[in-house]
Amino acid sequence: MRKRSARALRGSAVTALTVATGLALLSGCGLSDHRETGAGGAGTGSAQPSIAPKAPVPPGKPLGPDAHVPDTGVVDENDATAVSTAWAETTYGYDTEYDTSPQDAVLRGVRWCTERKAAAERGYRPAGGPGNEWITWARHRAWTTVDVRSELEDDAPPDGERIAYRSLVVSGTAHGRDGWEGTGPRLNAYVKLVRAAVGKPWRVDDVTVVEAARPPSPSTSAAAGSPSDDPRQ
């Protein structure tokens, strides 16, 4: 994964947060907008076909004694890095035996969020399926674990008394209950944390996520035999 400077990451984060704000007005906070849009007809004069809205994904089951979800232990809430790391470990720690979508883990992670962000996440209702990767994990009844690294750059803004930023690299592994092992969540997260005053706990207030590029599967690589083939499937 190529490492970008904090200044470049902050520039991307501002743009992404602006776009995310527009999406939030349409579909709420949390995950991306999964709604489909129809193709526009040019000069036909006919009405656009209606698209039935997708039903929200139901919440997961209550966690049982065999659930594999992160235990962050005691976290120093006066340490912005510790809080952002605990948030990432919890938010990307899925157990498909109990979770029906990533949103279930997102809701477990709101304990590390501000009241504003927590309320937005609780009010969000994901529509459509969680994706092919999740389907693969669920087929193996897998859970995910993540390694979280905080990247501090020389040009990163210093922590203020009430605001701090952290750049996190999240690398995950999926563990199947049938012995299978695969790739888990892989992403960069630029996290904004705030606190009410010095000595008060840090809380995650905003996040910009950039999914990491996935290497092509072996079957895809073998099929990429001509210059016209695109290995990014």
Foldseek 3Di string as FASTA:
>chain_A
DDDDAPVVVVVVVVVLVVVQVVQCVVAFDDDGAPDDDFDDDPPPPDDTDDDDFFDFFDFWAPDDPPFDADDLDDFDLLDPVRLVVQLVQQLQWDQLVTGQASLNSNLVSCVQADPVVNVRSVPGTHGDHRDDVSVVLNVLRKTKGKDKDWDDHPPADDDDFFKDKTKIWIWMKIAGPVGDIDGGFTWIKIWMWGAPGNPGGIGTYDIDIDGDQDFADPVLVVPPPDPVRDRRD
